[in-house]
């Protein structure tokens, strides 16, 4: 919302449109993946359904890593612009630390995201190596997007509000539709275990958002 302010469209409209487009994209992707897997092998039943969920999860995390990488690249790319500008002079330590905290905040939340890709794959029978490599591959788009963001900072900065809200819509749809119901399965004896994990995750990210800006 902050990055959308001062743009051609009202900030609220930009973010809402991007958010809805992300959710619709993931919904349509789910339909396409289900249709393609059904055509490939209609006899797999629930196994196919499980794999559809995992494919959706991998796709959504990979997709939302792209604007995150762009955000980090833009944060440091702006510093490079300021450093080369005679009018602006050198950037301050505060501006440098702001860019660092963006990178650290996004880096920290990539740890559980990588686990969210690798663990379901391992549960479905993939080898440890394959599960690990696919989890790593889903995050490799982020440094690539970071380099692009730093190189094309002026053009990418205008796209960021749309890209970030698009990624948010995609992740929220997958989390609500797939991850939250899935994490409650088989929790009869510890029904609040997964729920408290969700609460803790929200609390940590909220605290980081406030402290790191």
N, C-alpha and C. Protein backbone atom coordinates (compact mmCIF):
# COMPACT_ATOMS: atom_id res chain seq x y z
N UNK A 1 0.83 -1.20 0.00
CA UNK A 1 0.00 0.00 0.00
C UNK A 1 0.87 1.26 0.00
N UNK A 2 1.96 1.20 0.78
CA UNK A 2 2.88 2.34 0.85
C UNK A 2 3.50 2.62 -0.50
N UNK A 3 3.93 1.57 -1.18
CA UNK A 3 4.59 1.74 -2.47
C UNK A 3 3.61 2.18 -3.56
N UNK A 4 2.32 1.93 -3.35
CA UNK A 4 1.32 2.29 -4.36
C UNK A 4 0.89 3.75 -4.25
N UNK A 5 1.21 4.39 -3.13
CA UNK A 5 0.79 5.78 -2.94
C UNK A 5 1.51 6.70 -3.92
N UNK A 6 0.75 7.66 -4.46
CA UNK A 6 1.33 8.60 -5.41
C UNK A 6 1.38 8.08 -6.83
N UNK A 7 0.82 6.91 -7.07
CA UNK A 7 0.81 6.36 -8.41
C UNK A 7 -0.35 6.89 -9.24
N UNK A 8 -0.48 6.37 -10.45
CA UNK A 8 -1.53 6.83 -11.36
C UNK A 8 -2.91 6.45 -10.84
N UNK A 9 -3.02 5.25 -10.25
CA UNK A 9 -4.28 4.78 -9.68
C UNK A 9 -4.27 4.98 -8.17
N UNK A 10 -5.44 5.10 -7.53
CA UNK A 10 -5.48 5.16 -6.06
C UNK A 10 -4.82 3.92 -5.46
N UNK A 11 -4.11 4.11 -4.35
CA UNK A 11 -3.34 3.02 -3.75
C UNK A 11 -4.23 1.83 -3.41
N UNK A 12 -5.41 2.09 -2.84
CA UNK A 12 -6.31 1.00 -2.46
C UNK A 12 -6.77 0.19 -3.66
N UNK A 13 -7.05 0.88 -4.76
CA UNK A 13 -7.50 0.19 -5.98
C UNK A 13 -6.38 -0.65 -6.56
N UNK A 14 -5.15 -0.12 -6.56
CA UNK A 14 -4.00 -0.86 -7.08
C UNK A 14 -3.79 -2.16 -6.31
N UNK A 15 -3.76 -2.05 -4.98
CA UNK A 15 -3.48 -3.22 -4.15
C UNK A 15 -4.61 -4.23 -4.22
N UNK A 16 -5.86 -3.74 -4.19
CA UNK A 16 -7.01 -4.66 -4.26
C UNK A 16 -7.03 -5.42 -5.58
N UNK A 17 -6.76 -4.69 -6.68
CA UNK A 17 -6.76 -5.33 -8.00
C UNK A 17 -5.66 -6.39 -8.09
N UNK A 18 -4.46 -6.04 -7.63
CA UNK A 18 -3.37 -7.00 -7.65
C UNK A 18 -3.66 -8.21 -6.79
N UNK A 19 -4.24 -7.98 -5.61
CA UNK A 19 -4.58 -9.06 -4.68
C UNK A 19 -5.57 -10.03 -5.30
N UNK A 20 -6.63 -9.50 -5.90
CA UNK A 20 -7.65 -10.34 -6.52
C UNK A 20 -7.10 -11.08 -7.73
N UNK A 21 -6.24 -10.42 -8.50
CA UNK A 21 -5.64 -11.08 -9.67
C UNK A 21 -4.77 -12.25 -9.22
N UNK A 22 -4.03 -12.09 -8.11
CA UNK A 22 -3.21 -13.18 -7.60
C UNK A 22 -4.05 -14.37 -7.18
N UNK A 23 -5.16 -14.09 -6.48
CA UNK A 23 -6.04 -15.17 -6.04
C UNK A 23 -6.69 -15.88 -7.23
N UNK A 24 -7.14 -15.11 -8.22
CA UNK A 24 -7.76 -15.71 -9.41
C UNK A 24 -6.74 -16.52 -10.19
N UNK A 25 -5.50 -16.04 -10.26
CA UNK A 25 -4.45 -16.76 -10.97
C UNK A 25 -4.22 -18.13 -10.33
N UNK A 26 -4.13 -18.18 -8.99
CA UNK A 26 -3.90 -19.45 -8.31
C UNK A 26 -5.10 -20.39 -8.44
N UNK A 27 -6.31 -19.82 -8.39
CA UNK A 27 -7.52 -20.63 -8.56
C UNK A 27 -7.54 -21.26 -9.96
N UNK A 28 -7.25 -20.46 -10.98
CA UNK A 28 -7.25 -20.99 -12.34
C UNK A 28 -6.11 -21.99 -12.54
N UNK A 29 -4.96 -21.74 -11.88
CA UNK A 29 -3.84 -22.68 -11.97
C UNK A 29 -4.24 -24.03 -11.37
N UNK A 30 -4.96 -23.98 -10.25
CA UNK A 30 -5.41 -25.21 -9.60
C UNK A 30 -6.31 -26.00 -10.54
N UNK A 31 -7.22 -25.30 -11.21
CA UNK A 31 -8.14 -25.97 -12.15
C UNK A 31 -7.37 -26.60 -13.31
N UNK A 32 -6.38 -25.88 -13.82
CA UNK A 32 -5.61 -26.38 -14.96
C UNK A 32 -4.78 -27.59 -14.56
N UNK A 33 -4.11 -27.50 -13.37
CA UNK A 33 -3.30 -28.62 -12.89
C UNK A 33 -4.17 -29.85 -12.66
N UNK A 34 -5.34 -29.66 -12.03
CA UNK A 34 -6.25 -30.78 -11.77
C UNK A 34 -6.70 -31.42 -13.07
N UNK A 35 -7.03 -30.59 -14.04
CA UNK A 35 -7.50 -31.10 -15.34
C UNK A 35 -6.38 -31.88 -16.04
N UNK A 36 -5.14 -31.33 -16.02
CA UNK A 36 -4.02 -31.98 -16.69
C UNK A 36 -3.67 -33.31 -16.03
N UNK A 37 -3.68 -33.35 -14.70
CA UNK A 37 -3.37 -34.60 -14.00
C UNK A 37 -4.48 -35.62 -14.19
N UNK A 38 -5.73 -35.15 -14.24
CA UNK A 38 -6.83 -36.06 -14.48
C UNK A 38 -6.76 -36.70 -15.85
N UNK A 39 -6.33 -35.91 -16.83
CA UNK A 39 -6.17 -36.45 -18.19
C UNK A 39 -5.01 -37.45 -18.23
N UNK A 40 -3.93 -37.15 -17.48
CA UNK A 40 -2.75 -38.00 -17.51
C UNK A 40 -3.01 -39.36 -16.87
N UNK A 41 -3.69 -39.33 -15.72
CA UNK A 41 -3.94 -40.60 -15.03
C UNK A 41 -5.15 -40.44 -14.13
N UNK A 42 -6.30 -40.85 -14.60
CA UNK A 42 -7.54 -40.69 -13.84
C UNK A 42 -7.70 -41.75 -12.77
N UNK A 43 -6.80 -42.72 -12.71
CA UNK A 43 -6.95 -43.82 -11.76
C UNK A 43 -6.25 -43.58 -10.43
N UNK A 44 -5.55 -42.46 -10.27
CA UNK A 44 -4.77 -42.25 -9.05
C UNK A 44 -5.61 -41.78 -7.87
N UNK A 45 -6.73 -41.16 -8.09
CA UNK A 45 -7.65 -40.76 -7.02
C UNK A 45 -7.05 -39.77 -6.06
N UNK A 46 -7.03 -40.15 -4.76
CA UNK A 46 -6.60 -39.24 -3.71
C UNK A 46 -5.12 -38.89 -3.83
N UNK A 47 -4.32 -39.82 -4.37
CA UNK A 47 -2.89 -39.53 -4.54
C UNK A 47 -2.72 -38.35 -5.49
N UNK A 48 -3.51 -38.36 -6.57
CA UNK A 48 -3.47 -37.25 -7.51
C UNK A 48 -3.89 -35.94 -6.85
N UNK A 49 -4.90 -36.01 -5.98
CA UNK A 49 -5.38 -34.81 -5.29
C UNK A 49 -4.29 -34.26 -4.38
N UNK A 50 -3.59 -35.17 -3.67
CA UNK A 50 -2.50 -34.73 -2.81
C UNK A 50 -1.41 -34.05 -3.62
N UNK A 51 -1.07 -34.63 -4.76
CA UNK A 51 -0.02 -34.04 -5.59
C UNK A 51 -0.45 -32.71 -6.16
N UNK A 52 -1.75 -32.55 -6.46
CA UNK A 52 -2.24 -31.26 -6.92
C UNK A 52 -2.00 -30.19 -5.87
N UNK A 53 -2.25 -30.53 -4.60
CA UNK A 53 -2.04 -29.57 -3.52
C UNK A 53 -0.57 -29.18 -3.41
N UNK A 54 0.31 -30.17 -3.54
CA UNK A 54 1.74 -29.89 -3.43
C UNK A 54 2.21 -29.02 -4.60
N UNK A 55 1.72 -29.33 -5.80
CA UNK A 55 2.08 -28.51 -6.97
C UNK A 55 1.61 -27.07 -6.77
N UNK A 56 0.40 -26.90 -6.26
CA UNK A 56 -0.12 -25.56 -5.99
C UNK A 56 0.75 -24.83 -4.98
N UNK A 57 1.18 -25.55 -3.94
CA UNK A 57 2.00 -24.93 -2.91
C UNK A 57 3.35 -24.50 -3.47
N UNK A 58 3.99 -25.40 -4.22
CA UNK A 58 5.29 -25.06 -4.82
C UNK A 58 5.14 -23.88 -5.77
N UNK A 59 4.08 -23.89 -6.59
CA UNK A 59 3.86 -22.81 -7.54
C UNK A 59 3.64 -21.48 -6.85
N UNK A 60 2.82 -21.49 -5.78
CA UNK A 60 2.51 -20.23 -5.10
C UNK A 60 3.73 -19.65 -4.41
N UNK A 61 4.52 -20.50 -3.75
CA UNK A 61 5.72 -20.00 -3.06
C UNK A 61 6.76 -19.50 -4.06
N UNK A 62 6.93 -20.25 -5.16
CA UNK A 62 7.86 -19.79 -6.19
C UNK A 62 7.41 -18.46 -6.78
N UNK A 63 6.13 -18.37 -7.06
CA UNK A 63 5.57 -17.15 -7.65
C UNK A 63 5.76 -15.95 -6.74
N UNK A 64 5.47 -16.12 -5.44
CA UNK A 64 5.54 -14.95 -4.56
C UNK A 64 6.97 -14.60 -4.18
N UNK A 65 7.94 -15.49 -4.45
CA UNK A 65 9.34 -15.15 -4.22
C UNK A 65 9.86 -14.14 -5.24
N UNK A 66 9.22 -14.05 -6.40
CA UNK A 66 9.68 -13.13 -7.44
C UNK A 66 9.54 -11.67 -7.00
N UNK A 67 8.33 -11.21 -6.60
CA UNK A 67 8.24 -9.82 -6.14
C UNK A 67 9.03 -9.56 -4.86
N UNK A 68 9.20 -10.57 -4.01
CA UNK A 68 10.04 -10.37 -2.82
C UNK A 68 11.48 -10.08 -3.23
N UNK A 69 11.99 -10.85 -4.19
CA UNK A 69 13.33 -10.58 -4.69
C UNK A 69 13.43 -9.21 -5.33
N UNK A 70 12.41 -8.82 -6.09
CA UNK A 70 12.39 -7.49 -6.70
C UNK A 70 12.43 -6.40 -5.63
N UNK A 71 11.71 -6.61 -4.52
CA UNK A 71 11.67 -5.62 -3.44
C UNK A 71 13.06 -5.42 -2.83
N UNK A 72 13.77 -6.52 -2.60
CA UNK A 72 15.13 -6.42 -2.05
C UNK A 72 16.06 -5.73 -3.05
N UNK A 73 15.97 -6.13 -4.32
CA UNK A 73 16.81 -5.51 -5.34
C UNK A 73 16.56 -4.03 -5.48
N UNK A 74 15.29 -3.63 -5.44
CA UNK A 74 14.96 -2.21 -5.54
C UNK A 74 15.49 -1.44 -4.33
N UNK A 75 15.38 -2.04 -3.13
CA UNK A 75 15.85 -1.37 -1.91
C UNK A 75 17.34 -1.02 -2.02
N UNK A 76 18.14 -1.95 -2.54
CA UNK A 76 19.58 -1.67 -2.70
C UNK A 76 19.86 -0.89 -3.97
N UNK A 77 19.04 -1.07 -5.00
CA UNK A 77 19.22 -0.32 -6.23
C UNK A 77 19.01 1.17 -6.03
N UNK A 78 18.06 1.52 -5.16
CA UNK A 78 17.81 2.93 -4.85
C UNK A 78 19.05 3.54 -4.20
N UNK A 79 19.72 2.79 -3.32
CA UNK A 79 20.94 3.28 -2.69
C UNK A 79 22.01 3.55 -3.73
N UNK A 80 22.11 2.67 -4.73
CA UNK A 80 23.08 2.87 -5.79
C UNK A 80 22.79 4.13 -6.59
N UNK A 81 21.51 4.39 -6.84
CA UNK A 81 21.13 5.62 -7.55
C UNK A 81 21.52 6.84 -6.75
N UNK A 82 21.25 6.82 -5.43
CA UNK A 82 21.56 7.96 -4.57
C UNK A 82 23.07 8.18 -4.50
N UNK A 83 23.82 7.10 -4.47
CA UNK A 83 25.28 7.20 -4.37
C UNK A 83 25.88 7.86 -5.60
N UNK A 84 25.26 7.63 -6.78
CA UNK A 84 25.78 8.18 -8.03
C UNK A 84 25.26 9.58 -8.31
N UNK A 85 24.28 10.03 -7.52
CA UNK A 85 23.64 11.32 -7.79
C UNK A 85 24.39 12.44 -7.07
N UNK A 86 24.83 13.41 -7.83
CA UNK A 86 25.55 14.54 -7.23
C UNK A 86 24.64 15.36 -6.34
N UNK A 87 23.36 15.44 -6.72
CA UNK A 87 22.41 16.26 -5.94
C UNK A 87 22.10 15.60 -4.61
N UNK A 88 21.90 14.30 -4.63
CA UNK A 88 21.52 13.60 -3.40
C UNK A 88 22.71 13.31 -2.50
N UNK A 89 23.91 13.18 -3.09
CA UNK A 89 25.08 12.83 -2.29
C UNK A 89 25.05 11.37 -1.88
N UNK A 90 25.83 11.04 -0.87
CA UNK A 90 25.88 9.66 -0.41
C UNK A 90 24.67 9.33 0.45
N UNK A 91 24.25 8.08 0.40
CA UNK A 91 23.12 7.67 1.22
C UNK A 91 23.55 7.59 2.68
N UNK A 92 22.57 7.75 3.57
CA UNK A 92 22.85 7.72 5.00
C UNK A 92 22.85 6.27 5.49
N UNK A 93 23.42 6.06 6.70
CA UNK A 93 23.43 4.74 7.30
C UNK A 93 22.01 4.25 7.56
N UNK A 94 21.11 5.19 7.89
CA UNK A 94 19.72 4.81 8.14
C UNK A 94 19.07 4.22 6.89
N UNK A 95 19.36 4.81 5.73
CA UNK A 95 18.80 4.31 4.48
C UNK A 95 19.40 2.94 4.14
N UNK A 96 20.70 2.78 4.43
CA UNK A 96 21.33 1.49 4.19
C UNK A 96 20.72 0.42 5.08
N UNK A 97 20.51 0.74 6.38
CA UNK A 97 19.95 -0.22 7.31
C UNK A 97 18.51 -0.57 6.94
N UNK A 98 17.78 0.38 6.36
CA UNK A 98 16.42 0.09 5.93
C UNK A 98 16.42 -0.97 4.83
N UNK A 99 17.36 -0.85 3.90
CA UNK A 99 17.48 -1.86 2.84
C UNK A 99 17.91 -3.21 3.41
N UNK A 100 18.82 -3.18 4.39
CA UNK A 100 19.29 -4.43 5.01
C UNK A 100 18.15 -5.13 5.74
N UNK A 101 17.33 -4.36 6.46
CA UNK A 101 16.23 -4.98 7.21
C UNK A 101 15.19 -5.59 6.28
N UNK A 102 14.98 -4.99 5.12
CA UNK A 102 14.08 -5.59 4.13
C UNK A 102 14.63 -6.95 3.71
N UNK A 103 15.94 -7.00 3.43
CA UNK A 103 16.56 -8.25 3.00
C UNK A 103 16.53 -9.30 4.12
N UNK A 104 16.83 -8.88 5.36
CA UNK A 104 16.84 -9.82 6.49
C UNK A 104 15.43 -10.35 6.76
N UNK A 105 14.44 -9.44 6.77
CA UNK A 105 13.06 -9.86 7.03
C UNK A 105 12.56 -10.87 6.01
N UNK A 106 12.83 -10.61 4.74
CA UNK A 106 12.40 -11.53 3.70
C UNK A 106 13.20 -12.83 3.77
N UNK A 107 14.50 -12.72 4.10
CA UNK A 107 15.33 -13.91 4.23
C UNK A 107 14.87 -14.84 5.34
N UNK A 108 14.49 -14.27 6.49
CA UNK A 108 14.05 -15.09 7.62
C UNK A 108 12.78 -15.87 7.30
N UNK A 109 11.83 -15.21 6.64
CA UNK A 109 10.58 -15.92 6.38
C UNK A 109 10.71 -16.90 5.22
N UNK A 110 11.87 -16.91 4.56
CA UNK A 110 12.10 -17.93 3.52
C UNK A 110 12.43 -19.30 4.12
N UNK A 111 12.88 -19.34 5.39
CA UNK A 111 13.18 -20.62 6.02
C UNK A 111 11.92 -21.49 6.14
N UNK A 112 10.84 -21.01 6.78
CA UNK A 112 9.64 -21.85 6.84
C UNK A 112 9.00 -22.09 5.48
N UNK A 113 9.18 -21.16 4.54
CA UNK A 113 8.64 -21.39 3.20
C UNK A 113 9.34 -22.56 2.51
N UNK A 114 10.67 -22.63 2.67
CA UNK A 114 11.40 -23.76 2.09
C UNK A 114 10.96 -25.08 2.71
N UNK A 115 10.75 -25.06 4.04
CA UNK A 115 10.26 -26.27 4.72
C UNK A 115 8.86 -26.63 4.24
N UNK A 116 8.03 -25.62 3.98
CA UNK A 116 6.66 -25.87 3.53
C UNK A 116 6.62 -26.52 2.16
N UNK A 117 7.69 -26.37 1.38
CA UNK A 117 7.78 -27.05 0.09
C UNK A 117 8.37 -28.46 0.27
N UNK A 118 9.48 -28.55 1.02
CA UNK A 118 10.22 -29.82 1.11
C UNK A 118 9.49 -30.89 1.92
N UNK A 119 8.89 -30.50 3.05
CA UNK A 119 8.28 -31.50 3.93
C UNK A 119 7.09 -32.23 3.29
N UNK A 120 6.16 -31.53 2.62
CA UNK A 120 5.07 -32.27 1.96
C UNK A 120 5.57 -33.21 0.86
N UNK A 121 6.61 -32.77 0.14
CA UNK A 121 7.17 -33.64 -0.90
C UNK A 121 7.76 -34.90 -0.29
N UNK A 122 8.46 -34.74 0.83
CA UNK A 122 9.03 -35.91 1.51
C UNK A 122 7.93 -36.83 2.01
N UNK A 123 6.85 -36.24 2.52
CA UNK A 123 5.74 -37.05 3.02
C UNK A 123 5.08 -37.84 1.91
N UNK A 124 5.09 -37.31 0.70
CA UNK A 124 4.47 -38.00 -0.43
C UNK A 124 5.38 -39.03 -1.07
N UNK A 125 6.58 -39.23 -0.49
CA UNK A 125 7.44 -40.30 -0.97
C UNK A 125 8.66 -39.88 -1.76
N UNK A 126 8.86 -38.57 -1.97
CA UNK A 126 10.07 -38.11 -2.66
C UNK A 126 11.28 -38.35 -1.76
N UNK A 127 12.43 -38.54 -2.35
CA UNK A 127 13.66 -38.73 -1.57
C UNK A 127 14.04 -37.44 -0.84
N UNK A 128 14.89 -37.56 0.17
CA UNK A 128 15.33 -36.37 0.90
C UNK A 128 16.03 -35.39 -0.03
N UNK A 129 16.88 -35.93 -0.89
CA UNK A 129 17.63 -35.07 -1.81
C UNK A 129 16.71 -34.32 -2.76
N UNK A 130 15.76 -35.05 -3.35
CA UNK A 130 14.84 -34.43 -4.30
C UNK A 130 13.96 -33.39 -3.61
N UNK A 131 13.45 -33.71 -2.42
CA UNK A 131 12.63 -32.76 -1.67
C UNK A 131 13.40 -31.49 -1.35
N UNK A 132 14.67 -31.68 -0.93
CA UNK A 132 15.52 -30.53 -0.60
C UNK A 132 15.78 -29.67 -1.83
N UNK A 133 16.13 -30.31 -2.94
CA UNK A 133 16.47 -29.57 -4.15
C UNK A 133 15.28 -28.80 -4.71
N UNK A 134 14.08 -29.40 -4.66
CA UNK A 134 12.89 -28.69 -5.14
C UNK A 134 12.59 -27.50 -4.23
N UNK A 135 12.76 -27.69 -2.90
CA UNK A 135 12.57 -26.58 -1.97
C UNK A 135 13.54 -25.45 -2.26
N UNK A 136 14.80 -25.79 -2.55
CA UNK A 136 15.80 -24.77 -2.88
C UNK A 136 15.47 -24.10 -4.21
N UNK A 137 15.04 -24.89 -5.18
CA UNK A 137 14.73 -24.34 -6.50
C UNK A 137 13.60 -23.33 -6.44
N UNK A 138 12.62 -23.56 -5.54
CA UNK A 138 11.50 -22.62 -5.42
C UNK A 138 11.98 -21.26 -4.93
N UNK A 139 13.10 -21.24 -4.20
CA UNK A 139 13.63 -19.97 -3.71
C UNK A 139 14.68 -19.33 -4.60
N UNK A 140 15.18 -20.07 -5.60
CA UNK A 140 16.25 -19.55 -6.44
C UNK A 140 15.79 -18.42 -7.34
N UNK A 141 14.48 -18.30 -7.54
CA UNK A 141 13.99 -17.19 -8.35
C UNK A 141 14.21 -15.86 -7.63
N UNK A 142 14.35 -15.90 -6.30
CA UNK A 142 14.44 -14.65 -5.53
C UNK A 142 15.74 -13.88 -5.79
N UNK A 143 16.93 -14.51 -5.70
CA UNK A 143 18.14 -13.74 -6.02
C UNK A 143 18.18 -13.26 -7.47
N UNK A 144 17.63 -14.07 -8.39
CA UNK A 144 17.58 -13.63 -9.79
C UNK A 144 16.72 -12.38 -9.91
N UNK A 145 15.54 -12.40 -9.26
CA UNK A 145 14.66 -11.23 -9.28
C UNK A 145 15.31 -10.05 -8.56
N UNK A 146 16.11 -10.34 -7.52
CA UNK A 146 16.81 -9.27 -6.80
C UNK A 146 17.80 -8.53 -7.69
N UNK A 147 18.55 -9.29 -8.49
CA UNK A 147 19.50 -8.67 -9.42
C UNK A 147 18.75 -7.83 -10.45
N UNK A 148 17.65 -8.37 -10.98
CA UNK A 148 16.85 -7.60 -11.94
C UNK A 148 16.29 -6.33 -11.31
N UNK A 149 15.83 -6.44 -10.06
CA UNK A 149 15.30 -5.28 -9.37
C UNK A 149 16.33 -4.20 -9.17
N UNK A 150 17.58 -4.59 -8.86
CA UNK A 150 18.65 -3.62 -8.66
C UNK A 150 19.07 -2.97 -9.98
N UNK A 151 19.09 -3.77 -11.06
CA UNK A 151 19.50 -3.24 -12.36
C UNK A 151 18.44 -2.35 -12.99
N UNK A 152 17.18 -2.73 -12.79
CA UNK A 152 16.07 -2.00 -13.42
C UNK A 152 15.22 -1.27 -12.38
N UNK A 153 15.88 -0.64 -11.43
CA UNK A 153 15.20 -0.12 -10.25
C UNK A 153 14.07 0.85 -10.60
N UNK A 154 14.26 1.71 -11.58
CA UNK A 154 13.24 2.73 -11.90
C UNK A 154 11.98 2.06 -12.45
N UNK A 155 12.15 1.12 -13.38
CA UNK A 155 10.99 0.47 -13.98
C UNK A 155 10.33 -0.51 -13.01
N UNK A 156 11.14 -1.26 -12.28
CA UNK A 156 10.60 -2.27 -11.37
C UNK A 156 9.87 -1.62 -10.21
N UNK A 157 10.35 -0.47 -9.75
CA UNK A 157 9.72 0.19 -8.61
C UNK A 157 8.25 0.50 -8.89
N UNK A 158 7.94 0.86 -10.13
CA UNK A 158 6.55 1.15 -10.50
C UNK A 158 5.70 -0.11 -10.51
N UNK A 159 6.32 -1.27 -10.76
CA UNK A 159 5.58 -2.53 -10.82
C UNK A 159 5.38 -3.16 -9.44
N UNK A 160 6.18 -2.78 -8.46
CA UNK A 160 6.19 -3.48 -7.18
C UNK A 160 4.84 -3.52 -6.47
N UNK A 161 4.08 -2.42 -6.41
CA UNK A 161 2.77 -2.51 -5.72
C UNK A 161 1.88 -3.59 -6.32
N UNK A 162 1.86 -3.68 -7.66
CA UNK A 162 1.06 -4.69 -8.32
C UNK A 162 1.60 -6.08 -8.04
N UNK A 163 2.93 -6.24 -8.15
CA UNK A 163 3.55 -7.56 -7.99
C UNK A 163 3.42 -8.07 -6.55
N UNK A 164 3.63 -7.20 -5.57
CA UNK A 164 3.56 -7.62 -4.17
C UNK A 164 2.13 -7.98 -3.77
N UNK A 165 1.16 -7.19 -4.21
CA UNK A 165 -0.23 -7.50 -3.88
C UNK A 165 -0.71 -8.74 -4.63
N UNK A 166 -0.22 -8.95 -5.85
CA UNK A 166 -0.52 -10.17 -6.61
C UNK A 166 -0.01 -11.39 -5.84
N UNK A 167 1.23 -11.30 -5.34
CA UNK A 167 1.80 -12.41 -4.57
C UNK A 167 1.02 -12.65 -3.29
N UNK A 168 0.57 -11.57 -2.65
CA UNK A 168 -0.21 -11.72 -1.41
C UNK A 168 -1.52 -12.45 -1.67
N UNK A 169 -2.20 -12.08 -2.74
CA UNK A 169 -3.46 -12.75 -3.09
C UNK A 169 -3.25 -14.23 -3.36
N UNK A 170 -2.16 -14.56 -4.07
CA UNK A 170 -1.87 -15.97 -4.37
C UNK A 170 -1.60 -16.75 -3.09
N UNK A 171 -0.80 -16.20 -2.19
CA UNK A 171 -0.42 -16.91 -0.97
C UNK A 171 -1.61 -17.05 -0.02
N UNK A 172 -2.43 -16.01 0.10
CA UNK A 172 -3.58 -16.09 1.00
C UNK A 172 -4.55 -17.16 0.53
N UNK A 173 -4.80 -17.22 -0.77
CA UNK A 173 -5.73 -18.24 -1.28
C UNK A 173 -5.22 -19.64 -0.98
N UNK A 174 -3.93 -19.89 -1.24
CA UNK A 174 -3.36 -21.21 -0.99
C UNK A 174 -3.36 -21.53 0.50
N UNK A 175 -2.98 -20.56 1.34
CA UNK A 175 -2.92 -20.79 2.79
C UNK A 175 -4.30 -21.14 3.35
N UNK A 176 -5.30 -20.37 2.96
CA UNK A 176 -6.65 -20.59 3.50
C UNK A 176 -7.27 -21.87 2.95
N UNK A 177 -7.08 -22.12 1.66
CA UNK A 177 -7.76 -23.25 1.02
C UNK A 177 -7.04 -24.58 1.24
N UNK A 178 -5.70 -24.55 1.30
CA UNK A 178 -4.94 -25.79 1.35
C UNK A 178 -4.21 -25.99 2.68
N UNK A 179 -3.45 -25.00 3.12
CA UNK A 179 -2.55 -25.20 4.26
C UNK A 179 -3.27 -25.23 5.59
N UNK A 180 -4.21 -24.30 5.82
CA UNK A 180 -4.87 -24.24 7.13
C UNK A 180 -5.72 -25.50 7.38
N UNK A 181 -6.56 -25.96 6.45
CA UNK A 181 -7.27 -27.23 6.70
C UNK A 181 -6.32 -28.41 6.84
N UNK A 182 -5.26 -28.44 6.02
CA UNK A 182 -4.33 -29.57 6.04
C UNK A 182 -3.60 -29.68 7.37
N UNK A 183 -3.22 -28.53 7.96
CA UNK A 183 -2.44 -28.58 9.20
C UNK A 183 -3.28 -29.04 10.39
N UNK A 184 -4.61 -29.09 10.24
CA UNK A 184 -5.47 -29.53 11.34
C UNK A 184 -5.81 -31.02 11.27
N UNK A 185 -5.37 -31.69 10.21
CA UNK A 185 -5.68 -33.12 10.07
C UNK A 185 -4.85 -33.95 11.04
N UNK A 186 -5.48 -34.93 11.65
CA UNK A 186 -4.77 -35.82 12.56
C UNK A 186 -4.32 -35.15 13.84
N UNK A 187 -5.01 -34.07 14.25
CA UNK A 187 -4.60 -33.33 15.45
C UNK A 187 -5.63 -33.49 16.58
N UNK A 188 -6.30 -34.66 16.63
CA UNK A 188 -7.36 -34.84 17.63
C UNK A 188 -6.83 -34.72 19.06
N UNK A 189 -5.63 -35.26 19.30
CA UNK A 189 -5.07 -35.23 20.65
C UNK A 189 -4.38 -33.91 20.98
N UNK A 190 -3.98 -33.18 19.95
CA UNK A 190 -3.33 -31.87 20.17
C UNK A 190 -3.96 -30.87 19.21
N UNK A 191 -5.23 -30.61 19.43
CA UNK A 191 -6.00 -29.83 18.46
C UNK A 191 -5.51 -28.39 18.32
N UNK A 192 -4.82 -27.86 19.34
CA UNK A 192 -4.37 -26.47 19.28
C UNK A 192 -2.90 -26.35 18.86
N UNK A 193 -2.25 -27.48 18.58
CA UNK A 193 -0.82 -27.45 18.24
C UNK A 193 -0.58 -26.64 16.97
N UNK A 194 -1.29 -26.99 15.89
CA UNK A 194 -1.11 -26.28 14.63
C UNK A 194 -1.65 -24.86 14.71
N UNK A 195 -2.75 -24.69 15.45
CA UNK A 195 -3.34 -23.35 15.58
C UNK A 195 -2.37 -22.39 16.25
N UNK A 196 -1.68 -22.85 17.29
CA UNK A 196 -0.73 -21.99 17.97
C UNK A 196 0.49 -21.70 17.09
N UNK A 197 0.81 -22.63 16.19
CA UNK A 197 1.87 -22.36 15.23
C UNK A 197 1.50 -21.21 14.31
N UNK A 198 0.24 -21.19 13.87
CA UNK A 198 -0.25 -20.09 13.03
C UNK A 198 -0.21 -18.78 13.80
N UNK A 199 -0.69 -18.80 15.05
CA UNK A 199 -0.69 -17.59 15.88
C UNK A 199 0.73 -17.08 16.09
N UNK A 200 1.66 -17.99 16.39
CA UNK A 200 3.05 -17.61 16.61
C UNK A 200 3.66 -17.01 15.35
N UNK A 201 3.34 -17.62 14.19
CA UNK A 201 3.85 -17.10 12.93
C UNK A 201 3.37 -15.69 12.65
N UNK A 202 2.07 -15.45 12.87
CA UNK A 202 1.53 -14.10 12.69
C UNK A 202 2.20 -13.11 13.64
N UNK A 203 2.38 -13.53 14.91
CA UNK A 203 2.95 -12.63 15.92
C UNK A 203 4.40 -12.26 15.55
N UNK A 204 5.18 -13.25 15.11
CA UNK A 204 6.58 -12.99 14.75
C UNK A 204 6.67 -12.04 13.57
N UNK A 205 5.86 -12.28 12.53
CA UNK A 205 5.91 -11.42 11.35
C UNK A 205 5.39 -10.02 11.65
N UNK A 206 4.39 -9.90 12.53
CA UNK A 206 3.89 -8.59 12.92
C UNK A 206 4.97 -7.80 13.66
N UNK A 207 5.65 -8.50 14.58
CA UNK A 207 6.72 -7.86 15.36
C UNK A 207 7.84 -7.41 14.44
N UNK A 208 8.22 -8.27 13.49
CA UNK A 208 9.28 -7.90 12.55
C UNK A 208 8.87 -6.73 11.68
N UNK A 209 7.61 -6.70 11.29
CA UNK A 209 7.11 -5.62 10.43
C UNK A 209 7.22 -4.28 11.16
N UNK A 210 6.88 -4.30 12.47
CA UNK A 210 6.92 -3.05 13.25
C UNK A 210 8.36 -2.65 13.55
N UNK A 211 9.19 -3.62 13.97
CA UNK A 211 10.55 -3.30 14.40
C UNK A 211 11.49 -3.00 13.23
N UNK A 212 11.29 -3.72 12.12
CA UNK A 212 12.20 -3.55 10.99
C UNK A 212 11.67 -2.58 9.94
N UNK A 213 10.43 -2.12 10.11
CA UNK A 213 9.88 -1.16 9.17
C UNK A 213 9.51 -1.79 7.86
